[in-house]
Protein backbone atom coordinates (compact mmCIF):
# COMPACT_ATOMS: atom_id res chain seq x y z
CA MET A 1 -180.00 45.94 105.89
CA THR A 2 -180.04 43.39 103.09
CA THR A 3 -183.08 42.34 101.09
CA CYS A 4 -182.98 39.32 98.81
CA LEU A 5 -185.72 38.71 96.24
CA LEU A 6 -186.29 35.73 93.94
CA TYR A 7 -188.31 35.43 90.76
CA ARG A 8 -189.29 31.86 89.94
CA GLN A 9 -190.48 31.11 86.43
CA THR A 10 -191.00 27.55 85.24
CA PRO A 11 -189.15 24.49 86.58
CA ARG A 12 -187.04 24.37 83.40
CA ARG A 13 -185.82 27.95 83.71
CA PRO A 14 -183.47 29.01 86.52
CA SER A 15 -184.68 31.54 89.08
CA ARG A 16 -183.60 35.16 88.92
CA PHE A 17 -182.39 37.08 91.96
CA TYR A 18 -182.29 40.71 93.05
CA ARG A 19 -180.38 41.83 96.15
CA ILE A 20 -180.36 45.25 97.78
CA GLU A 21 -177.98 46.18 100.58
CA LEU A 22 -177.31 49.37 102.56
CA ALA A 23 -173.70 49.79 103.68
CA MET A 24 -171.65 52.58 105.25
CA ASN A 25 -168.39 53.47 103.52
CA LEU A 26 -165.20 54.97 104.95
CA PHE A 27 -166.31 58.53 104.18
CA SER A 28 -169.48 58.40 106.35
CA GLU A 29 -171.65 58.04 103.27
CA VAL A 30 -174.27 55.35 102.76
CA SER A 31 -174.06 53.08 99.73
CA VAL A 32 -176.99 51.26 98.18
CA VAL A 33 -175.61 48.11 96.55
CA ARG A 34 -177.90 46.38 94.05
CA GLU A 35 -177.09 43.02 92.45
CA TRP A 36 -179.24 41.02 90.03
CA GLY A 37 -179.02 38.13 87.62
CA VAL A 38 -179.78 34.45 87.14
CA SER A 39 -179.31 32.18 90.16
CA GLY A 40 -176.09 30.19 89.97
CA ARG A 41 -174.37 32.63 87.60
CA ASN A 42 -172.48 35.87 87.91
CA GLY A 43 -174.82 38.83 88.01
CA GLN A 44 -174.55 42.55 87.54
CA SER A 45 -174.20 45.16 90.24
CA VAL A 46 -174.56 48.90 90.76
CA ILE A 47 -173.49 51.02 93.74
CA ASN A 48 -175.16 54.37 94.40
CA ILE A 49 -173.82 56.66 97.16
CA TYR A 50 -176.01 58.91 99.31
CA GLY A 51 -175.12 61.56 101.89
CA ASN A 52 -177.29 60.17 104.68
CA LEU A 53 -179.15 57.05 105.76
CA ARG A 54 -182.61 58.50 105.12
CA GLU A 55 -181.94 59.21 101.42
CA ALA A 56 -180.35 55.78 100.98
CA SER A 57 -183.27 54.02 102.70
CA VAL A 58 -185.83 55.80 100.53
CA ALA A 59 -183.91 54.84 97.37
CA ALA A 60 -183.53 51.21 98.50
CA ASP A 61 -187.25 51.01 99.33
CA LYS A 62 -188.16 52.33 95.86
CA HIS A 63 -186.00 49.69 94.18
CA ARG A 64 -187.37 46.92 96.40
CA ASN A 65 -191.00 47.94 95.83
CA ARG A 66 -190.46 48.15 92.07
CA MET A 67 -189.11 44.60 91.99
CA LEU A 68 -191.93 43.29 94.19
CA LYS A 69 -194.43 44.78 91.71
CA ARG A 70 -192.61 42.95 88.89
CA GLY A 71 -193.27 39.60 90.56
CA TYR A 72 -190.21 39.01 92.73
CA ASP A 73 -190.81 37.47 96.17
CA ARG A 74 -188.83 37.81 99.37
CA ALA A 75 -186.30 35.01 99.67
CA HIS A 76 -185.04 33.26 102.75
CA MET A 77 -181.29 32.75 102.90
CA GLN A 78 -181.72 28.93 103.11
CA ALA A 79 -183.66 28.93 99.83
CA MET A 80 -180.90 30.91 98.10
CA ALA A 81 -178.16 28.60 99.41
CA ALA A 82 -180.04 25.53 98.13
CA GLU A 83 -180.03 26.74 94.51
């Protein structure tokens, strides 16, 4: 599962992005990968590891909901590729 969010400010300022991804690692743990920054530039990332999918999903949902409350909108992959 990958969720991409965009925050658009004014036309003069570049959009910001926030991406959340759930991924299994080699040790049967679930990683929540979060990346954020300004569109078109290198961003920052954090990886948190959870013992099962349920814990990871709850954590990812909390991060996603927090960013939606801050004004980010769901992005379509075509919109992200265009920027």
